[in-house]
PDB file of N, CA and C in Angstrom:
ATOM      1  N   MET A   1      97.104  66.525 105.944  1.00  0.00           N
ATOM      2  CA  MET A   1      98.311  67.036 105.526  1.00  0.00           C
ATOM      3  C   MET A   1      97.871  68.915 106.715  1.00  0.00           C
ATOM      4  N   LEU A   2      97.043  69.186 106.084  1.00  0.00           N
ATOM      5  CA  LEU A   2      96.369  70.350 106.885  1.00  0.00           C
ATOM      6  C   LEU A   2      96.631  70.222 108.506  1.00  0.00           C
ATOM      7  N   GLU A   3      95.836  68.953 109.077  1.00  0.00           N
ATOM      8  CA  GLU A   3      95.716  68.359 110.473  1.00  0.00           C
ATOM      9  C   GLU A   3      97.127  68.846 111.211  1.00  0.00           C
ATOM     10  N   ASN A   4      98.306  68.187 110.104  1.00  0.00           N
ATOM     11  CA  ASN A   4      99.443  68.179 110.954  1.00  0.00           C
ATOM     12  C   ASN A   4     100.128  69.558 110.436  1.00  0.00           C
ATOM     13  N   PHE A   5      99.900  70.443 109.957  1.00  0.00           N
ATOM     14  CA  PHE A   5     100.374  71.888 110.102  1.00  0.00           C
ATOM     15  C   PHE A   5      99.404  72.237 111.620  1.00  0.00           C
ATOM     16  N   PHE A   6      98.622  71.774 111.730  1.00  0.00           N
ATOM     17  CA  PHE A   6      97.970  73.203 112.923  1.00  0.00           C
ATOM     18  C   PHE A   6      98.760  72.387 114.239  1.00  0.00           C
ATOM     19  N   GLN A   7      99.277  70.958 113.881  1.00  0.00           N
ATOM     20  CA  GLN A   7      99.582  70.567 115.121  1.00  0.00           C
ATOM     21  C   GLN A   7     101.430  70.921 115.494  1.00  0.00           C
ATOM     22  N   LEU A   8     101.694  71.867 114.241  1.00  0.00           N
ATOM     23  CA  LEU A   8     102.634  72.780 114.560  1.00  0.00           C
ATOM     24  C   LEU A   8     103.489  73.701 115.205  1.00  0.00           C
ATOM     25  N   SER A   9     104.024  74.207 116.214  1.00  0.00           N
ATOM     26  CA  SER A   9     104.265  75.142 117.213  1.00  0.00           C
ATOM     27  C   SER A   9     103.247  76.143 115.862  1.00  0.00           C
ATOM     28  N   LEU A  10     102.960  77.622 117.135  1.00  0.00           N
ATOM     29  CA  LEU A  10     102.705  78.527 116.124  1.00  0.00           C
ATOM     30  C   LEU A  10     103.914  79.177 115.554  1.00  0.00           C
ATOM     31  N   ILE A  11     105.129  79.276 115.751  1.00  0.00           N
ATOM     32  CA  ILE A  11     106.308  79.896 115.784  1.00  0.00           C
ATOM     33  C   ILE A  11     106.806  79.175 114.563  1.00  0.00           C
ATOM     34  N   VAL A  12     106.583  77.456 114.375  1.00  0.00           N
ATOM     35  CA  VAL A  12     106.682  77.000 113.322  1.00  0.00           C
ATOM     36  C   VAL A  12     105.681  77.388 112.020  1.00  0.00           C
ATOM     37  N   GLN A  13     104.625  77.172 112.146  1.00  0.00           N
ATOM     38  CA  GLN A  13     103.973  77.821 111.045  1.00  0.00           C
ATOM     39  C   GLN A  13     103.852  78.937 110.562  1.00  0.00           C
ATOM     40  N   LEU A  14     104.159  80.205 111.900  1.00  0.00           N
ATOM     41  CA  LEU A  14     104.415  81.406 111.147  1.00  0.00           C
ATOM     42  C   LEU A  14     105.673  81.329 110.227  1.00  0.00           C
ATOM     43  N   ILE A  15     106.894  80.592 110.012  1.00  0.00           N
ATOM     44  CA  ILE A  15     107.934  80.943 109.519  1.00  0.00           C
ATOM     45  C   ILE A  15     107.864  79.852 108.411  1.00  0.00           C
ATOM     46  N   ILE A  16     106.993  78.873 108.321  1.00  0.00           N
ATOM     47  CA  ILE A  16     106.189  77.914 106.827  1.00  0.00           C
ATOM     48  C   ILE A  16     105.199  79.099 106.439  1.00  0.00           C
ATOM     49  N   ILE A  17     104.430  79.912 106.848  1.00  0.00           N
ATOM     50  CA  ILE A  17     103.857  80.628 106.500  1.00  0.00           C
ATOM     51  C   ILE A  17     104.468  81.854 105.141  1.00  0.00           C
ATOM     52  N   TYR A  18     105.455  82.076 106.253  1.00  0.00           N
ATOM     53  CA  TYR A  18     106.345  83.479 105.845  1.00  0.00           C
ATOM     54  C   TYR A  18     107.280  83.133 104.850  1.00  0.00           C
ATOM     55  N   LEU A  19     107.677  82.064 104.597  1.00  0.00           N
ATOM     56  CA  LEU A  19     108.242  81.524 103.373  1.00  0.00           C
ATOM     57  C   LEU A  19     107.749  81.447 101.889  1.00  0.00           C
ATOM     58  N   ILE A  20     106.438  80.597 102.787  1.00  0.00           N
ATOM     59  CA  ILE A  20     105.646  80.898 101.086  1.00  0.00           C
ATOM     60  C   ILE A  20     105.200  81.883 100.345  1.00  0.00           C
ATOM     61  N   ILE A  21     105.112  83.086 101.333  1.00  0.00           N
ATOM     62  CA  ILE A  21     104.541  83.837 101.148  1.00  0.00           C
ATOM     63  C   ILE A  21     105.745  84.789 100.441  1.00  0.00           C
ATOM     64  N   ILE A  22     107.190  85.134 100.348  1.00  0.00           N
ATOM     65  CA  ILE A  22     108.504  85.616 100.455  1.00  0.00           C
ATOM     66  C   ILE A  22     108.462  84.665  99.082  1.00  0.00           C
ATOM     67  N   ASN A  23     108.190  83.656  98.880  1.00  0.00           N
ATOM     68  CA  ASN A  23     108.611  82.563  97.430  1.00  0.00           C
ATOM     69  C   ASN A  23     107.597  83.144  96.903  1.00  0.00           C
ATOM     70  N   ILE A  24     106.130  83.523  96.831  1.00  0.00           N
ATOM     71  CA  ILE A  24     105.388  83.425  95.824  1.00  0.00           C
ATOM     72  C   ILE A  24     105.780  85.068  95.599  1.00  0.00           C
ATOM     73  N   ILE A  25     105.810  86.082  96.184  1.00  0.00           N
ATOM     74  CA  ILE A  25     106.367  87.242  95.487  1.00  0.00           C
ATOM     75  C   ILE A  25     107.558  87.075  95.300  1.00  0.00           C
ATOM     76  N   THR A  26     108.569  86.389  95.490  1.00  0.00           N
ATOM     77  CA  THR A  26     109.940  86.695  94.690  1.00  0.00           C
ATOM     78  C   THR A  26     109.632  85.741  93.196  1.00  0.00           C
ATOM     79  N   PHE A  27     109.397  84.750  93.312  1.00  0.00           N
ATOM     80  CA  PHE A  27     108.858  84.167  91.854  1.00  0.00           C
ATOM     81  C   PHE A  27     108.235  85.334  90.880  1.00  0.00           C
ATOM     82  N   PHE A  28     106.608  86.104  91.257  1.00  0.00           N
ATOM     83  CA  PHE A  28     106.431  86.858  90.501  1.00  0.00           C
ATOM     84  C   PHE A  28     107.405  88.204  89.951  1.00  0.00           C
ATOM     85  N   TYR A  29     107.937  88.233  91.372  1.00  0.00           N
ATOM     86  CA  TYR A  29     109.208  89.813  90.513  1.00  0.00           C
ATOM     87  C   TYR A  29     109.619  88.952  89.402  1.00  0.00           C
ATOM     88  N   PHE A  30     110.401  88.254  89.729  1.00  0.00           N
ATOM     89  CA  PHE A  30     111.479  87.675  88.306  1.00  0.00           C
ATOM     90  C   PHE A  30     110.433  87.720  87.196  1.00  0.00           C
ATOM     91  N   GLY A  31     108.937  87.153  87.590  1.00  0.00           N
ATOM     92  CA  GLY A  31     108.345  87.398  85.959  1.00  0.00           C
ATOM     93  C   GLY A  31     107.601  88.961  85.745  1.00  0.00           C
ATOM     94  N   ILE A  32     107.731  89.715  86.559  1.00  0.00           N
ATOM     95  CA  ILE A  32     107.716  91.093  86.197  1.00  0.00           C
ATOM     96  C   ILE A  32     108.642  91.536  85.554  1.00  0.00           C
ATOM     97  N   ASP A  33     109.997  91.035  86.185  1.00  0.00           N
ATOM     98  CA  ASP A  33     111.297  91.571  85.569  1.00  0.00           C
ATOM     99  C   ASP A  33     111.735  91.159  83.993  1.00  0.00           C
ATOM    100  N   LYS A  34     111.173  89.772  84.140  1.00  0.00           N
ATOM    101  CA  LYS A  34     111.767  89.265  83.011  1.00  0.00           C
ATOM    102  C   LYS A  34     110.361  89.950  81.908  1.00  0.00           C
ATOM    103  N   THR A  35     108.486  90.452  82.331  1.00  0.00           N
ATOM    104  CA  THR A  35     108.082  90.997  81.270  1.00  0.00           C
ATOM    105  C   THR A  35     108.667  92.894  80.704  1.00  0.00           C
ATOM    106  N   ARG A  36     108.961  92.893  81.845  1.00  0.00           N
ATOM    107  CA  ARG A  36     109.321  94.472  81.799  1.00  0.00           C
ATOM    108  C   ARG A  36     110.551  94.682  81.064  1.00  0.00           C
ATOM    109  N   SER A  37     111.482  93.673  80.677  1.00  0.00           N
ATOM    110  CA  SER A  37     112.698  93.544  80.159  1.00  0.00           C
ATOM    111  C   SER A  37     112.592  93.269  78.565  1.00  0.00           C
ATOM    112  N   THR A  38     111.452  92.560  78.564  1.00  0.00           N
ATOM    113  CA  THR A  38     110.689  92.359  76.815  1.00  0.00           C
ATOM    114  C   THR A  38     110.339  93.540  76.296  1.00  0.00           C
ATOM    115  N   LEU A  39     109.799  94.142  76.840  1.00  0.00           N
ATOM    116  CA  LEU A  39     109.344  95.615  76.450  1.00  0.00           C
ATOM    117  C   LEU A  39     109.722  96.426  77.183  1.00  0.00           C
ATOM    118  N   SER A  40     110.514  96.318  76.848  1.00  0.00           N
ATOM    119  CA  SER A  40     111.760  98.054  77.058  1.00  0.00           C
ATOM    120  C   SER A  40     111.199  99.166  77.983  1.00  0.00           C
ATOM    121  N   LYS A  41     110.483  98.419  79.467  1.00  0.00           N
ATOM    122  CA  LYS A  41     109.945  99.120  80.573  1.00  0.00           C
ATOM    123  C   LYS A  41     110.988  98.692  82.036  1.00  0.00           C
ATOM    124  N   LYS A  42     110.916 100.437  82.741  1.00  0.00           N
ATOM    125  CA  LYS A  42     111.695 100.117  83.107  1.00  0.00           C
ATOM    126  C   LYS A  42     111.478  99.010  84.229  1.00  0.00           C
ATOM    127  N   ARG A  43     112.501  98.368  84.489  1.00  0.00           N
ATOM    128  CA  ARG A  43     113.196  97.399  85.484  1.00  0.00           C
ATOM    129  C   ARG A  43     112.640  96.862  86.674  1.00  0.00           C
ATOM    130  N   ILE A  44     112.849  95.951  87.475  1.00  0.00           N
ATOM    131  CA  ILE A  44     112.958  96.050  88.985  1.00  0.00           C
ATOM    132  C   ILE A  44     114.464  95.825  89.258  1.00  0.00           C
ATOM    133  N   SER A  45     114.987  96.467  89.998  1.00  0.00           N
ATOM    134  CA  SER A  45     116.475  96.159  90.279  1.00  0.00           C
ATOM    135  C   SER A  45     117.009  95.082  90.812  1.00  0.00           C
ATOM    136  N   GLU A  46     118.212  94.599  90.179  1.00  0.00           N
ATOM    137  CA  GLU A  46     118.880  93.381  90.740  1.00  0.00           C
ATOM    138  C   GLU A  46     119.193  93.608  92.106  1.00  0.00           C
ATOM    139  N   LYS A  47     119.245  94.601  92.924  1.00  0.00           N
ATOM    140  CA  LYS A  47     119.133  94.929  94.613  1.00  0.00           C
ATOM    141  C   LYS A  47     117.925  94.531  95.538  1.00  0.00           C
ATOM    142  N   MET A  48     116.827  94.705  94.454  1.00  0.00           N
ATOM    143  CA  MET A  48     115.557  94.296  94.959  1.00  0.00           C
ATOM    144  C   MET A  48     115.650  92.615  94.701  1.00  0.00           C
ATOM    145  N   LEU A  49     115.565  92.175  93.685  1.00  0.00           N
ATOM    146  CA  LEU A  49     115.411  90.333  93.155  1.00  0.00           C
ATOM    147  C   LEU A  49     117.438  89.684  94.425  1.00  0.00           C
ATOM    148  N   TRP A  50     117.814  90.598  94.613  1.00  0.00           N
ATOM    149  CA  TRP A  50     118.827  90.271  96.014  1.00  0.00           C
ATOM    150  C   TRP A  50     118.142  89.983  96.959  1.00  0.00           C
ATOM    151  N   PHE A  51     117.678  91.148  97.402  1.00  0.00           N
ATOM    152  CA  PHE A  51     116.668  91.611  98.632  1.00  0.00           C
ATOM    153  C   PHE A  51     115.649  90.348  99.088  1.00  0.00           C
ATOM    154  N   LEU A  52     114.985  90.076  98.008  1.00  0.00           N
ATOM    155  CA  LEU A  52     113.838  89.206  98.384  1.00  0.00           C
ATOM    156  C   LEU A  52     114.092  87.820  98.451  1.00  0.00           C
ATOM    157  N   THR A  53     115.113  88.030  97.306  1.00  0.00           N
ATOM    158  CA  THR A  53     115.930  85.960  97.509  1.00  0.00           C
ATOM    159  C   THR A  53     116.584  86.234  99.146  1.00  0.00           C
ATOM    160  N   ALA A  54     117.609  86.890  99.646  1.00  0.00           N
ATOM    161  CA  ALA A  54     117.780  86.986 100.964  1.00  0.00           C
ATOM    162  C   ALA A  54     117.284  87.012 102.532  1.00  0.00           C
ATOM    163  N   LEU A  55     115.681  87.469 101.915  1.00  0.00           N
ATOM    164  CA  LEU A  55     114.672  87.463 102.547  1.00  0.00           C
ATOM    165  C   LEU A  55     113.857  86.088 103.034  1.00  0.00           C
ATOM    166  N   GLY A  56     114.136  85.149 102.337  1.00  0.00           N
ATOM    167  CA  GLY A  56     113.871  83.682 102.050  1.00  0.00           C
ATOM    168  C   GLY A  56     113.060  83.481 101.237  1.00  0.00           C
ATOM    169  N   GLY A  57     113.326  84.255  99.758  1.00  0.00           N
ATOM    170  CA  GLY A  57     112.395  84.024  99.072  1.00  0.00           C
ATOM    171  C   GLY A  57     114.094  82.826  97.901  1.00  0.00           C
ATOM    172  N   SER A  58     114.864  82.422  98.574  1.00  0.00           N
ATOM    173  CA  SER A  58     115.481  81.640  97.186  1.00  0.00           C
ATOM    174  C   SER A  58     114.807  80.783  96.198  1.00  0.00           C
ATOM    175  N   LEU A  59     114.268  79.681  96.740  1.00  0.00           N
ATOM    176  CA  LEU A  59     113.217  78.796  95.979  1.00  0.00           C
ATOM    177  C   LEU A  59     112.337  79.484  94.856  1.00  0.00           C
ATOM    178  N   GLY A  60     112.053  80.796  95.282  1.00  0.00           N
ATOM    179  CA  GLY A  60     110.894  81.469  94.492  1.00  0.00           C
ATOM    180  C   GLY A  60     111.927  82.031  93.374  1.00  0.00           C
ATOM    181  N   ALA A  61     113.235  82.452  93.466  1.00  0.00           N
ATOM    182  CA  ALA A  61     113.872  83.354  93.007  1.00  0.00           C
ATOM    183  C   ALA A  61     114.730  82.143  91.547  1.00  0.00           C
ATOM    184  N   LEU A  62     114.441  80.778  92.118  1.00  0.00           N
ATOM    185  CA  LEU A  62     115.099  79.664  91.393  1.00  0.00           C
ATOM    186  C   LEU A  62     113.913  79.228  90.480  1.00  0.00           C
ATOM    187  N   GLY A  63     112.581  79.023  90.726  1.00  0.00           N
ATOM    188  CA  GLY A  63     111.750  79.018  90.295  1.00  0.00           C
ATOM    189  C   GLY A  63     111.596  79.832  88.802  1.00  0.00           C
ATOM    190  N   GLY A  64     111.839  81.017  89.630  1.00  0.00           N
ATOM    191  CA  GLY A  64     111.504  82.006  88.252  1.00  0.00           C
ATOM    192  C   GLY A  64     112.343  82.312  87.520  1.00  0.00           C
ATOM    193  N   MET A  65     113.760  82.352  88.411  1.00  0.00           N
ATOM    194  CA  MET A  65     114.619  82.101  87.027  1.00  0.00           C
ATOM    195  C   MET A  65     114.132  80.958  85.576  1.00  0.00           C
ATOM    196  N   TYR A  66     113.900  79.871  86.152  1.00  0.00           N
ATOM    197  CA  TYR A  66     114.060  78.681  85.389  1.00  0.00           C
ATOM    198  C   TYR A  66     112.239  78.922  84.524  1.00  0.00           C
ATOM    199  N   PHE A  67     111.261  79.365  85.433  1.00  0.00           N
ATOM    200  CA  PHE A  67     110.014  79.192  84.974  1.00  0.00           C
ATOM    201  C   PHE A  67     109.975  80.447  83.513  1.00  0.00           C
ATOM    202  N   PHE A  68     110.643  81.213  83.736  1.00  0.00           N
ATOM    203  CA  PHE A  68     110.594  82.744  82.939  1.00  0.00           C
ATOM    204  C   PHE A  68     111.559  82.810  82.473  1.00  0.00           C
ATOM    205  N   ARG A  69     112.906  82.066  82.287  1.00  0.00           N
ATOM    206  CA  ARG A  69     113.827  82.063  81.648  1.00  0.00           C
ATOM    207  C   ARG A  69     114.587  82.977  81.519  1.00  0.00           C
ATOM    208  N   HIS A  70     114.518  83.902  83.098  1.00  0.00           N
ATOM    209  CA  HIS A  70     115.376  84.945  83.208  1.00  0.00           C
ATOM    210  C   HIS A  70     116.710  85.104  84.288  1.00  0.00           C
ATOM    211  N   LYS A  71     117.800  85.983  83.633  1.00  0.00           N
ATOM    212  CA  LYS A  71     118.671  85.440  84.680  1.00  0.00           C
ATOM    213  C   LYS A  71     119.313  84.722  84.373  1.00  0.00           C
ATOM    214  N   THR A  72     118.950  83.385  83.661  1.00  0.00           N
ATOM    215  CA  THR A  72     119.458  82.231  83.743  1.00  0.00           C
ATOM    216  C   THR A  72     121.250  81.927  83.050  1.00  0.00           C
ATOM    217  N   LYS A  73     121.537  83.295  82.091  1.00  0.00           N
ATOM    218  CA  LYS A  73     122.992  83.337  81.233  1.00  0.00           C
ATOM    219  C   LYS A  73     123.950  84.200  82.838  1.00  0.00           C
ATOM    220  N   LYS A  74     123.222  84.875  83.600  1.00  0.00           N
ATOM    221  CA  LYS A  74     124.712  85.292  84.852  1.00  0.00           C
ATOM    222  C   LYS A  74     124.733  84.061  85.636  1.00  0.00           C
ATOM    223  N   SER A  75     125.876  83.519  85.178  1.00  0.00           N
ATOM    224  CA  SER A  75     126.416  82.349  85.763  1.00  0.00           C
ATOM    225  C   SER A  75     126.258  83.468  88.112  1.00  0.00           C
ATOM    226  N   SER A  76     126.643  84.348  87.280  1.00  0.00           N
ATOM    227  CA  SER A  76     126.931  84.901  88.764  1.00  0.00           C
ATOM    228  C   SER A  76     125.915  85.164  90.134  1.00  0.00           C
ATOM    229  N   PHE A  77     124.587  84.948  89.361  1.00  0.00           N
ATOM    230  CA  PHE A  77     123.107  85.435  89.727  1.00  0.00           C
ATOM    231  C   PHE A  77     122.727  83.596  89.858  1.00  0.00           C
ATOM    232  N   GLN A  78     123.307  83.024  89.224  1.00  0.00           N
ATOM    233  CA  GLN A  78     122.810  80.915  89.654  1.00  0.00           C
ATOM    234  C   GLN A  78     123.528  81.218  90.923  1.00  0.00           C
ATOM    235  N   ALA A  79     124.842  81.184  90.849  1.00  0.00           N
ATOM    236  CA  ALA A  79     125.748  80.871  92.132  1.00  0.00           C
ATOM    237  C   ALA A  79     125.339  81.505  93.380  1.00  0.00           C
ATOM    238  N   GLY A  80     125.100  82.840  93.024  1.00  0.00           N
ATOM    239  CA  GLY A  80     124.144  83.337  94.531  1.00  0.00           C
ATOM    240  C   GLY A  80     123.096  82.950  94.973  1.00  0.00           C
ATOM    241  N   ILE A  81     122.208  82.743  94.400  1.00  0.00           N
ATOM    242  CA  ILE A  81     121.358  82.434  94.692  1.00  0.00           C
ATOM    243  C   ILE A  81     121.282  81.106  94.981  1.00  0.00           C
ATOM    244  N   ALA A  82     121.848  80.256  94.358  1.00  0.00           N
ATOM    245  CA  ALA A  82     122.412  78.540  95.174  1.00  0.00           C
ATOM    246  C   ALA A  82     123.007  79.120  96.345  1.00  0.00           C
ATOM    247  N   ILE A  83     124.009  80.234  96.913  1.00  0.00           N
ATOM    248  CA  ILE A  83     124.949  79.832  97.888  1.00  0.00           C
ATOM    249  C   ILE A  83     123.782  80.481  99.195  1.00  0.00           C
ATOM    250  N   ILE A  84     122.655  81.301  98.526  1.00  0.00           N
ATOM    251  CA  ILE A  84     122.122  81.687  99.334  1.00  0.00           C
ATOM    252  C   ILE A  84     120.779  80.594  99.993  1.00  0.00           C
ATOM    253  N   LEU A  85     120.438  80.056  99.070  1.00  0.00           N
ATOM    254  CA  LEU A  85     119.253  79.118  99.152  1.00  0.00           C
ATOM    255  C   LEU A  85     120.152  78.066 100.204  1.00  0.00           C
ATOM    256  N   ALA A  86     121.512  77.554  99.896  1.00  0.00           N
ATOM    257  CA  ALA A  86     122.425  76.883 100.882  1.00  0.00           C
ATOM    258  C   ALA A  86     122.598  76.973 102.555  1.00  0.00           C
ATOM    259  N   LEU A  87     122.355  78.505 102.330  1.00  0.00           N
ATOM    260  CA  LEU A  87     122.805  78.866 103.710  1.00  0.00           C
ATOM    261  C   LEU A  87     121.298  79.261 104.638  1.00  0.00           C
ATOM    262  N   GLN A  88     120.262  79.350 103.778  1.00  0.00           N
ATOM    263  CA  GLN A  88     118.897  79.128 104.280  1.00  0.00           C
ATOM    264  C   GLN A  88     118.936  77.924 104.432  1.00  0.00           C
ATOM    265  N   ILE A  89     118.739  77.108 104.107  1.00  0.00           N
ATOM    266  CA  ILE A  89     118.590  75.304 104.534  1.00  0.00           C
ATOM    267  C   ILE A  89     119.278  75.414 105.747  1.00  0.00           C
ATOM    268  N   LEU A  90     120.881  75.640 105.656  1.00  0.00           N
ATOM    269  CA  LEU A  90     121.918  75.278 107.261  1.00  0.00           C
ATOM    270  C   LEU A  90     121.559  75.956 108.368  1.00  0.00           C
ATOM    271  N   LEU A  91     120.191  77.604 107.706  1.00  0.00           N
ATOM    272  CA  LEU A  91     119.422  77.725 108.845  1.00  0.00           C
ATOM    273  C   LEU A  91     118.671  77.553 109.828  1.00  0.00           C
ATOM    274  N   LEU A  92     117.606  77.104 108.545  1.00  0.00           N
ATOM    275  CA  LEU A  92     116.356  76.202 109.487  1.00  0.00           C
ATOM    276  C   LEU A  92     116.869  74.780 109.910  1.00  0.00           C
ATOM    277  N   TYR A  93     117.935  73.929 109.506  1.00  0.00           N
ATOM    278  CA  TYR A  93     118.045  72.848 109.995  1.00  0.00           C
ATOM    279  C   TYR A  93     118.481  73.618 111.383  1.00  0.00           C
ATOM    280  N   PHE A  94     119.274  74.070 112.148  1.00  0.00           N
ATOM    281  CA  PHE A  94     120.204  74.198 112.910  1.00  0.00           C
ATOM    282  C   PHE A  94     119.157  75.191 113.543  1.00  0.00           C
ATOM    283  N   LEU A  95     118.245  76.009 113.065  1.00  0.00           N
ATOM    284  CA  LEU A  95     116.706  76.515 113.892  1.00  0.00           C
ATOM    285  C   LEU A  95     115.874  75.435 114.449  1.00  0.00           C
ATOM    286  N   PHE A  96     115.671  74.181 113.562  1.00  0.00           N
ATOM    287  CA  PHE A  96     114.786  73.357 114.365  1.00  0.00           C
ATOM    288  C   PHE A  96     115.138  71.747 114.946  1.00  0.00           C
ATOM    289  N   SER A  97     116.520  71.796 114.507  1.00  0.00           N
ATOM    290  CA  SER A  97     116.667  70.482 115.063  1.00  0.00           C
ATOM    291  C   SER A  97     117.576  70.603 116.760  1.00  0.00           C
TER     292      SER A  97
END
């Protein structure tokens, strides 16, 4: 599998690495915000969570929401992230087809 990765063009490799990193960061930001909300500490702003999601971290956001059970009752958050994810998938499809 790794040898297939190295056969891809450099730009595709960089996009894949970027998406992995931004999704990991977004996932952990949701976890940190959940922990802070439980401890009544200063929270990560929703703007930051949306920003990370829009930068490509939509899968990490969805994973973080359900893994940490955070923001799952906010239907606007779920719908917004689903829309962003769909747009990102369309963008990747058009970029690589």
